Amino acid sequence: MGDGILISIEGVDGCGKSTQAALLCDRLVARGLAVGPAKEPGAVVREPGGTPVGEAVREVLLHGPDDMVPWTEALLYAAARAELVARVLRPGLAAGRVLVLDRYVDSSLAYQGHARGLGIDAVLVANAAGVGEVMPDLTLVLVVDPAIALARATGETDRIEREGLDLQRRVSDGFVELARRFPARVRLVHGERPIADVAAEVEGAVAELLERRGV
């Protein structure tokens, strides 16, 4: 993975991860670090997406048929992710950049692996060929009550958000399970506090990682 650093921000829909990812990028840029893809300096990398293929797959996943088969959903995410790894993440990490992702493989483990019952291990295996060793150095999961998170939603909901509270509760449990399984990498952050307080904890956790890496 070169000298770069990969950080993912995770959580249920409406938890505030996109806001925190953007704030983190801004703060890392202010530190003088090379953040984001070389073609989009300072930008968050969103998932699925980040490449032309990934954006096309995103449209299918979020706005396609409501009755999509769970394994079809899981494999579409894995396909978009493989493209992102090859086109964006590997080159960025090889160049020593700090990449902040708005979702990554842990979303598939929580949503399709745990919440949809496909199995965390099975979904991890399905992603392995495309992801390889490109796993986050740090994953920050914003923990927000799913009912509160869904109430924050504004505008048109996507296919997954329309499934409602029961799915999001299972997803939330899935992220807690990931923190239990991978404690060296996955950290839970209480996300129901003011935005600035959450951002301070996120930045602190990343600062610890940077210090360990000598950045």
C-alpha atoms as a PDB file:
ATOM      1  CA  MET A   1       0.000   0.000   0.000  1.00  0.00           C
ATOM      2  CA  GLY A   2       3.030   2.310  -0.096  1.00  0.00           C
ATOM      3  CA  ASP A   3       3.356   5.087   2.449  1.00  0.00           C
ATOM      4  CA  GLY A   4      -0.234   6.291   2.144  1.00  0.00           C
ATOM      5  CA  ILE A   5      -2.929   6.080   4.792  1.00  0.00           C
ATOM      6  CA  LEU A   6      -6.486   4.833   4.323  1.00  0.00           C
ATOM      7  CA  ILE A   7      -9.246   5.953   6.701  1.00  0.00           C
ATOM      8  CA  SER A   8     -12.905   4.982   6.372  1.00  0.00           C
ATOM      9  CA  ILE A   9     -15.905   6.613   8.042  1.00  0.00           C
ATOM     10  CA  GLU A  10     -18.869   4.280   8.570  1.00  0.00           C
ATOM     11  CA  GLY A  11     -22.291   4.042  10.157  1.00  0.00           C
ATOM     12  CA  VAL A  12     -25.995   3.647   9.481  1.00  0.00           C
ATOM     13  CA  ASP A  13     -27.748   5.886   6.965  1.00  0.00           C
ATOM     14  CA  GLY A  14     -28.124   9.384   8.391  1.00  0.00           C
ATOM     15  CA  CYS A  15     -25.411   9.008  11.037  1.00  0.00           C
ATOM     16  CA  GLY A  16     -23.460  12.045   9.796  1.00  0.00           C
ATOM     17  CA  LYS A  17     -20.507  10.208   8.272  1.00  0.00           C
ATOM     18  CA  SER A  18     -20.412  12.313   5.086  1.00  0.00           C
ATOM     19  CA  THR A  19     -20.236  15.500   7.152  1.00  0.00           C
ATOM     20  CA  GLN A  20     -17.482  14.102   9.357  1.00  0.00           C
ATOM     21  CA  ALA A  21     -15.505  12.770   6.390  1.00  0.00           C
ATOM     22  CA  ALA A  22     -15.532  16.212   4.759  1.00  0.00           C
ATOM     23  CA  LEU A  23     -14.532  17.946   8.006  1.00  0.00           C
ATOM     24  CA  LEU A  24     -11.700  15.462   8.501  1.00  0.00           C
ATOM     25  CA  CYS A  25     -10.365  16.096   4.995  1.00  0.00           C
ATOM     26  CA  ASP A  26     -10.390  19.839   5.639  1.00  0.00           C
ATOM     27  CA  ARG A  27      -8.480  19.441   8.898  1.00  0.00           C
ATOM     28  CA  LEU A  28      -5.897  17.125   7.348  1.00  0.00           C
ATOM     29  CA  VAL A  29      -5.360  19.556   4.472  1.00  0.00           C
ATOM     30  CA  ALA A  30      -4.844  22.291   7.067  1.00  0.00           C
ATOM     31  CA  ARG A  31      -2.066  20.148   8.541  1.00  0.00           C
ATOM     32  CA  GLY A  32      -0.322  20.268   5.179  1.00  0.00           C
ATOM     33  CA  LEU A  33      -0.959  16.662   4.222  1.00  0.00           C
ATOM     34  CA  ALA A  34      -1.612  15.392   0.706  1.00  0.00           C
ATOM     35  CA  VAL A  35      -5.265  14.401   1.066  1.00  0.00           C
ATOM     36  CA  GLY A  36      -7.611  12.766  -1.407  1.00  0.00           C
ATOM     37  CA  PRO A  37      -6.968  11.459  -4.915  1.00  0.00           C
ATOM     38  CA  ALA A  38      -4.319  13.337  -6.906  1.00  0.00           C
ATOM     39  CA  LYS A  39      -6.987  14.404  -9.426  1.00  0.00           C
ATOM     40  CA  GLU A  40      -9.281  15.665  -6.620  1.00  0.00           C
ATOM     41  CA  PRO A  41      -7.007  16.986  -3.886  1.00  0.00           C
ATOM     42  CA  GLY A  42      -8.735  17.440  -0.565  1.00  0.00           C
ATOM     43  CA  ALA A  43     -11.786  15.417  -1.596  1.00  0.00           C
ATOM     44  CA  VAL A  44     -13.544  12.595   0.192  1.00  0.00           C
ATOM     45  CA  VAL A  45     -13.729   9.330  -1.769  1.00  0.00           C
ATOM     46  CA  ARG A  46     -17.315   8.074  -1.740  1.00  0.00           C
ATOM     47  CA  GLU A  47     -18.355   4.470  -1.953  1.00  0.00           C
ATOM     48  CA  PRO A  48     -19.833   3.043  -4.068  1.00  0.00           C
ATOM     49  CA  GLY A  49     -18.516   5.488  -6.623  1.00  0.00           C
ATOM     50  CA  GLY A  50     -15.260   7.311  -7.179  1.00  0.00           C
ATOM     51  CA  THR A  51     -14.858   5.960 -10.728  1.00  0.00           C
ATOM     52  CA  PRO A  52     -17.083   5.985 -13.830  1.00  0.00           C
ATOM     53  CA  VAL A  53     -17.877   2.298 -13.363  1.00  0.00           C
ATOM     54  CA  GLY A  54     -18.465   2.779  -9.652  1.00  0.00           C
ATOM     55  CA  GLU A  55     -20.845   5.674 -10.224  1.00  0.00           C
ATOM     56  CA  ALA A  56     -22.847   3.611 -12.732  1.00  0.00           C
ATOM     57  CA  VAL A  57     -23.065   0.727 -10.271  1.00  0.00           C
ATOM     58  CA  ARG A  58     -24.052   3.173  -7.512  1.00  0.00           C
ATOM     59  CA  GLU A  59     -27.056   4.251  -9.551  1.00  0.00           C
ATOM     60  CA  VAL A  60     -28.221   0.628  -9.862  1.00  0.00           C
ATOM     61  CA  LEU A  61     -27.627  -0.133  -6.192  1.00  0.00           C
ATOM     62  CA  LEU A  62     -29.345   2.938  -4.759  1.00  0.00           C
ATOM     63  CA  HIS A  63     -32.076   3.500  -7.323  1.00  0.00           C
ATOM     64  CA  GLY A  64     -32.629   0.095  -8.924  1.00  0.00           C
ATOM     65  CA  PRO A  65     -35.357  -2.454  -8.179  1.00  0.00           C
ATOM     66  CA  ASP A  66     -36.375  -2.760  -4.535  1.00  0.00           C
ATOM     67  CA  ASP A  67     -36.414  -6.568  -4.711  1.00  0.00           C
ATOM     68  CA  MET A  68     -32.745  -7.025  -5.626  1.00  0.00           C
ATOM     69  CA  VAL A  69     -31.348 -10.387  -4.497  1.00  0.00           C
ATOM     70  CA  PRO A  70     -28.976  -9.923  -1.519  1.00  0.00           C
ATOM     71  CA  TRP A  71     -26.037 -11.637  -3.196  1.00  0.00           C
ATOM     72  CA  THR A  72     -26.561  -9.552  -6.329  1.00  0.00           C
ATOM     73  CA  GLU A  73     -26.387  -6.463  -4.127  1.00  0.00           C
ATOM     74  CA  ALA A  74     -23.263  -7.702  -2.346  1.00  0.00           C
ATOM     75  CA  LEU A  75     -21.446  -8.576  -5.561  1.00  0.00           C
ATOM     76  CA  LEU A  76     -22.326  -5.264  -7.207  1.00  0.00           C
ATOM     77  CA  TYR A  77     -20.791  -3.447  -4.259  1.00  0.00           C
ATOM     78  CA  ALA A  78     -17.731  -5.690  -4.512  1.00  0.00           C
ATOM     79  CA  ALA A  79     -17.407  -4.978  -8.237  1.00  0.00           C
ATOM     80  CA  ALA A  80     -17.572  -1.211  -7.763  1.00  0.00           C
ATOM     81  CA  ARG A  81     -15.064  -1.513  -4.928  1.00  0.00           C
ATOM     82  CA  ALA A  82     -12.602  -3.514  -7.058  1.00  0.00           C
ATOM     83  CA  GLU A  83     -12.658  -0.722  -9.645  1.00  0.00           C
ATOM     84  CA  LEU A  84     -12.087   1.901  -6.938  1.00  0.00           C
ATOM     85  CA  VAL A  85      -9.161  -0.018  -5.471  1.00  0.00           C
ATOM     86  CA  ALA A  86      -7.456  -0.391  -8.854  1.00  0.00           C
ATOM     87  CA  ARG A  87      -8.138   3.111 -10.199  1.00  0.00           C
ATOM     88  CA  VAL A  88      -7.991   5.313  -7.107  1.00  0.00           C
ATOM     89  CA  LEU A  89      -6.890   3.687  -3.860  1.00  0.00           C
ATOM     90  CA  ARG A  90      -3.767   1.791  -4.914  1.00  0.00           C
ATOM     91  CA  PRO A  91      -2.332   4.731  -6.898  1.00  0.00           C
ATOM     92  CA  GLY A  92      -3.140   7.189  -4.124  1.00  0.00           C
ATOM     93  CA  LEU A  93      -1.607   5.056  -1.406  1.00  0.00           C
ATOM     94  CA  ALA A  94       1.468   4.338  -3.523  1.00  0.00           C
ATOM     95  CA  ALA A  95       1.924   8.106  -3.869  1.00  0.00           C
ATOM     96  CA  GLY A  96       1.791   8.541  -0.089  1.00  0.00           C
ATOM     97  CA  ARG A  97      -1.582  10.302   0.033  1.00  0.00           C
ATOM     98  CA  VAL A  98      -4.102  10.235   2.877  1.00  0.00           C
ATOM     99  CA  LEU A  99      -7.397   8.881   1.561  1.00  0.00           C
ATOM    100  CA  VAL A 100     -10.632   9.363   3.500  1.00  0.00           C
ATOM    101  CA  LEU A 101     -13.498   7.119   2.405  1.00  0.00           C
ATOM    102  CA  ASP A 102     -17.197   7.705   2.942  1.00  0.00           C
ATOM    103  CA  ARG A 103     -17.940   3.973   3.353  1.00  0.00           C
ATOM    104  CA  TYR A 104     -15.802   1.027   2.307  1.00  0.00           C
ATOM    105  CA  VAL A 105     -15.743  -2.731   2.756  1.00  0.00           C
ATOM    106  CA  ASP A 106     -17.104  -2.613   6.318  1.00  0.00           C
ATOM    107  CA  SER A 107     -20.404  -1.308   4.948  1.00  0.00           C
ATOM    108  CA  SER A 108     -20.802  -4.505   2.961  1.00  0.00           C
ATOM    109  CA  LEU A 109     -19.912  -6.576   6.005  1.00  0.00           C
ATOM    110  CA  ALA A 110     -22.525  -4.762   8.116  1.00  0.00           C
ATOM    111  CA  TYR A 111     -25.299  -4.365   5.519  1.00  0.00           C
ATOM    112  CA  GLN A 112     -25.068  -7.493   3.386  1.00  0.00           C
ATOM    113  CA  GLY A 113     -23.044  -9.720   5.687  1.00  0.00           C
ATOM    114  CA  HIS A 114     -24.817  -9.111   8.989  1.00  0.00           C
ATOM    115  CA  ALA A 115     -28.097  -7.311   8.283  1.00  0.00           C
ATOM    116  CA  ARG A 116     -29.058  -9.365   5.218  1.00  0.00           C
ATOM    117  CA  GLY A 117     -27.767 -12.597   6.720  1.00  0.00           C
ATOM    118  CA  LEU A 118     -25.196 -13.502   4.066  1.00  0.00           C
ATOM    119  CA  GLY A 119     -22.500 -13.843   6.714  1.00  0.00           C
ATOM    120  CA  ILE A 120     -19.679 -11.432   7.511  1.00  0.00           C
ATOM    121  CA  ASP A 121     -17.007 -13.971   6.600  1.00  0.00           C
ATOM    122  CA  ALA A 122     -18.688 -14.892   3.312  1.00  0.00           C
ATOM    123  CA  VAL A 123     -18.989 -11.261   2.212  1.00  0.00           C
ATOM    124  CA  LEU A 124     -15.392 -10.583   3.234  1.00  0.00           C
ATOM    125  CA  VAL A 125     -14.254 -13.475   1.047  1.00  0.00           C
ATOM    126  CA  ALA A 126     -16.350 -12.150  -1.856  1.00  0.00           C
ATOM    127  CA  ASN A 127     -14.514  -8.814  -1.596  1.00  0.00           C
ATOM    128  CA  ALA A 128     -11.042 -10.246  -1.091  1.00  0.00           C
ATOM    129  CA  ALA A 129     -10.090 -10.657  -4.754  1.00  0.00           C
ATOM    130  CA  GLY A 130     -10.835  -7.029  -5.557  1.00  0.00           C
ATOM    131  CA  VAL A 131      -9.612  -5.472  -2.307  1.00  0.00           C
ATOM    132  CA  GLY A 132      -6.557  -7.586  -1.510  1.00  0.00           C
ATOM    133  CA  GLU A 133      -4.385  -5.906   1.101  1.00  0.00           C
ATOM    134  CA  VAL A 134      -6.050  -2.507   0.646  1.00  0.00           C
ATOM    135  CA  MET A 135      -7.867  -2.353   3.952  1.00  0.00           C
ATOM    136  CA  PRO A 136      -8.307   0.724   6.149  1.00  0.00           C
ATOM    137  CA  ASP A 137      -5.622   1.648   8.622  1.00  0.00           C
ATOM    138  CA  LEU A 138      -8.484   3.015  10.726  1.00  0.00           C
ATOM    139  CA  THR A 139     -12.261   2.684  10.499  1.00  0.00           C
ATOM    140  CA  LEU A 140     -14.368   5.099  12.529  1.00  0.00           C
ATOM    141  CA  VAL A 141     -17.999   4.026  13.028  1.00  0.00           C
ATOM    142  CA  LEU A 142     -20.363   6.810  14.063  1.00  0.00           C
ATOM    143  CA  VAL A 143     -22.796   5.239  16.508  1.00  0.00           C
ATOM    144  CA  VAL A 144     -26.231   6.872  16.264  1.00  0.00           C
ATOM    145  CA  ASP A 145     -29.599   5.390  17.219  1.00  0.00           C
ATOM    146  CA  PRO A 146     -31.037   4.276  13.859  1.00  0.00           C
ATOM    147  CA  ALA A 147     -34.373   5.953  14.617  1.00  0.00           C
ATOM    148  CA  ILE A 148     -32.602   9.271  15.175  1.00  0.00           C
ATOM    149  CA  ALA A 149     -30.468   8.770  12.068  1.00  0.00           C
ATOM    150  CA  LEU A 150     -33.449   8.053   9.809  1.00  0.00           C
ATOM    151  CA  ALA A 151     -35.296  11.079  11.183  1.00  0.00           C
ATOM    152  CA  ARG A 152     -32.436  13.258   9.947  1.00  0.00           C
ATOM    153  CA  ALA A 153     -32.986  12.206   6.339  1.00  0.00           C
ATOM    154  CA  THR A 154     -34.086  14.927   3.960  1.00  0.00           C
ATOM    155  CA  GLY A 155     -35.097  14.748   0.315  1.00  0.00           C
ATOM    156  CA  GLU A 156     -35.651  11.601  -1.710  1.00  0.00           C
ATOM    157  CA  THR A 157     -34.734   8.333  -0.003  1.00  0.00           C
ATOM    158  CA  ASP A 158     -32.774   5.647  -1.815  1.00  0.00           C
ATOM    159  CA  ARG A 159     -33.648   1.981  -2.218  1.00  0.00           C
ATOM    160  CA  ILE A 160     -31.910   0.895   0.976  1.00  0.00           C
ATOM    161  CA  GLU A 161     -33.167   3.777   3.134  1.00  0.00           C
ATOM    162  CA  ARG A 162     -36.719   2.907   2.114  1.00  0.00           C
ATOM    163  CA  GLU A 163     -36.392  -0.463   3.846  1.00  0.00           C
ATOM    164  CA  GLY A 164     -36.739   1.374   7.123  1.00  0.00           C
ATOM    165  CA  LEU A 165     -35.807   1.009  10.750  1.00  0.00           C
ATOM    166  CA  ASP A 166     -35.546  -2.770  11.144  1.00  0.00           C
ATOM    167  CA  LEU A 167     -32.800  -3.014   8.530  1.00  0.00           C
ATOM    168  CA  GLN A 168     -30.895  -0.083  10.008  1.00  0.00           C
ATOM    169  CA  ARG A 169     -31.038  -1.625  13.484  1.00  0.00           C
ATOM    170  CA  ARG A 170     -29.506  -4.827  12.131  1.00  0.00           C
ATOM    171  CA  VAL A 171     -26.863  -2.776  10.332  1.00  0.00           C
ATOM    172  CA  SER A 172     -26.047  -0.953  13.566  1.00  0.00           C
ATOM    173  CA  ASP A 173     -25.619  -4.284  15.334  1.00  0.00           C
ATOM    174  CA  GLY A 174     -23.385  -5.385  12.462  1.00  0.00           C
ATOM    175  CA  PHE A 175     -21.020  -2.451  12.939  1.00  0.00           C
ATOM    176  CA  VAL A 176     -20.796  -3.196  16.670  1.00  0.00           C
ATOM    177  CA  GLU A 177     -19.893  -6.776  15.782  1.00  0.00           C
ATOM    178  CA  LEU A 178     -17.159  -5.542  13.439  1.00  0.00           C
ATOM    179  CA  ALA A 179     -15.683  -3.436  16.239  1.00  0.00           C
ATOM    180  CA  ARG A 180     -15.642  -6.560  18.406  1.00  0.00           C
ATOM    181  CA  ARG A 181     -13.993  -8.669  15.700  1.00  0.00           C
ATOM    182  CA  PHE A 182     -11.445  -6.115  14.518  1.00  0.00           C
ATOM    183  CA  PRO A 183     -10.614  -3.957  17.579  1.00  0.00           C
ATOM    184  CA  ALA A 184      -7.195  -2.902  16.258  1.00  0.00           C
ATOM    185  CA  ARG A 185      -8.790  -1.251  13.221  1.00  0.00           C
ATOM    186  CA  VAL A 186     -12.455  -0.432  13.972  1.00  0.00           C
ATOM    187  CA  ARG A 187     -13.312   2.233  16.549  1.00  0.00           C
ATOM    188  CA  LEU A 188     -16.800   3.259  17.664  1.00  0.00           C
ATOM    189  CA  VAL A 189     -17.490   7.001  18.009  1.00  0.00           C
ATOM    190  CA  HIS A 190     -20.598   8.315  19.782  1.00  0.00           C
ATOM    191  CA  GLY A 191     -22.261  10.272  16.987  1.00  0.00           C
ATOM    192  CA  GLU A 192     -25.256  11.874  18.732  1.00  0.00           C
ATOM    193  CA  ARG A 193     -23.185  14.744  20.155  1.00  0.00           C
ATOM    194  CA  PRO A 194     -22.746  18.159  18.519  1.00  0.00           C
ATOM    195  CA  ILE A 195     -20.946  17.993  15.165  1.00  0.00           C
ATOM    196  CA  ALA A 196     -17.882  19.801  16.519  1.00  0.00           C
ATOM    197  CA  ASP A 197     -17.516  17.345  19.418  1.00  0.00           C
ATOM    198  CA  VAL A 198     -17.714  14.341  17.094  1.00  0.00           C
ATOM    199  CA  ALA A 199     -15.232  15.978  14.717  1.00  0.00           C
ATOM    200  CA  ALA A 200     -12.788  16.540  17.569  1.00  0.00           C
ATOM    201  CA  GLU A 201     -12.842  12.858  18.519  1.00  0.00           C
ATOM    202  CA  VAL A 202     -12.503  11.806  14.881  1.00  0.00           C
ATOM    203  CA  GLU A 203      -9.525  14.116  14.392  1.00  0.00           C
ATOM    204  CA  GLY A 204      -7.979  12.903  17.636  1.00  0.00           C
ATOM    205  CA  ALA A 205      -8.204   9.273  16.596  1.00  0.00           C
ATOM    206  CA  VAL A 206      -6.649  10.068  13.230  1.00  0.00           C
ATOM    207  CA  ALA A 207      -3.908  12.139  14.891  1.00  0.00           C
ATOM    208  CA  GLU A 208      -3.001   9.083  16.977  1.00  0.00           C
ATOM    209  CA  LEU A 209      -2.754   7.017  13.797  1.00  0.00           C
ATOM    210  CA  LEU A 210      -0.586   9.639  12.091  1.00  0.00           C
ATOM    211  CA  GLU A 211       1.721   9.763  15.087  1.00  0.00           C
ATOM    212  CA  ARG A 212       2.105   5.975  15.085  1.00  0.00           C
ATOM    213  CA  ARG A 213       2.921   6.107  11.383  1.00  0.00           C
ATOM    214  CA  GLY A 214       5.412   8.921  11.867  1.00  0.00           C
ATOM    215  CA  VAL A 215       3.457  11.345   9.699  1.00  0.00           C
END
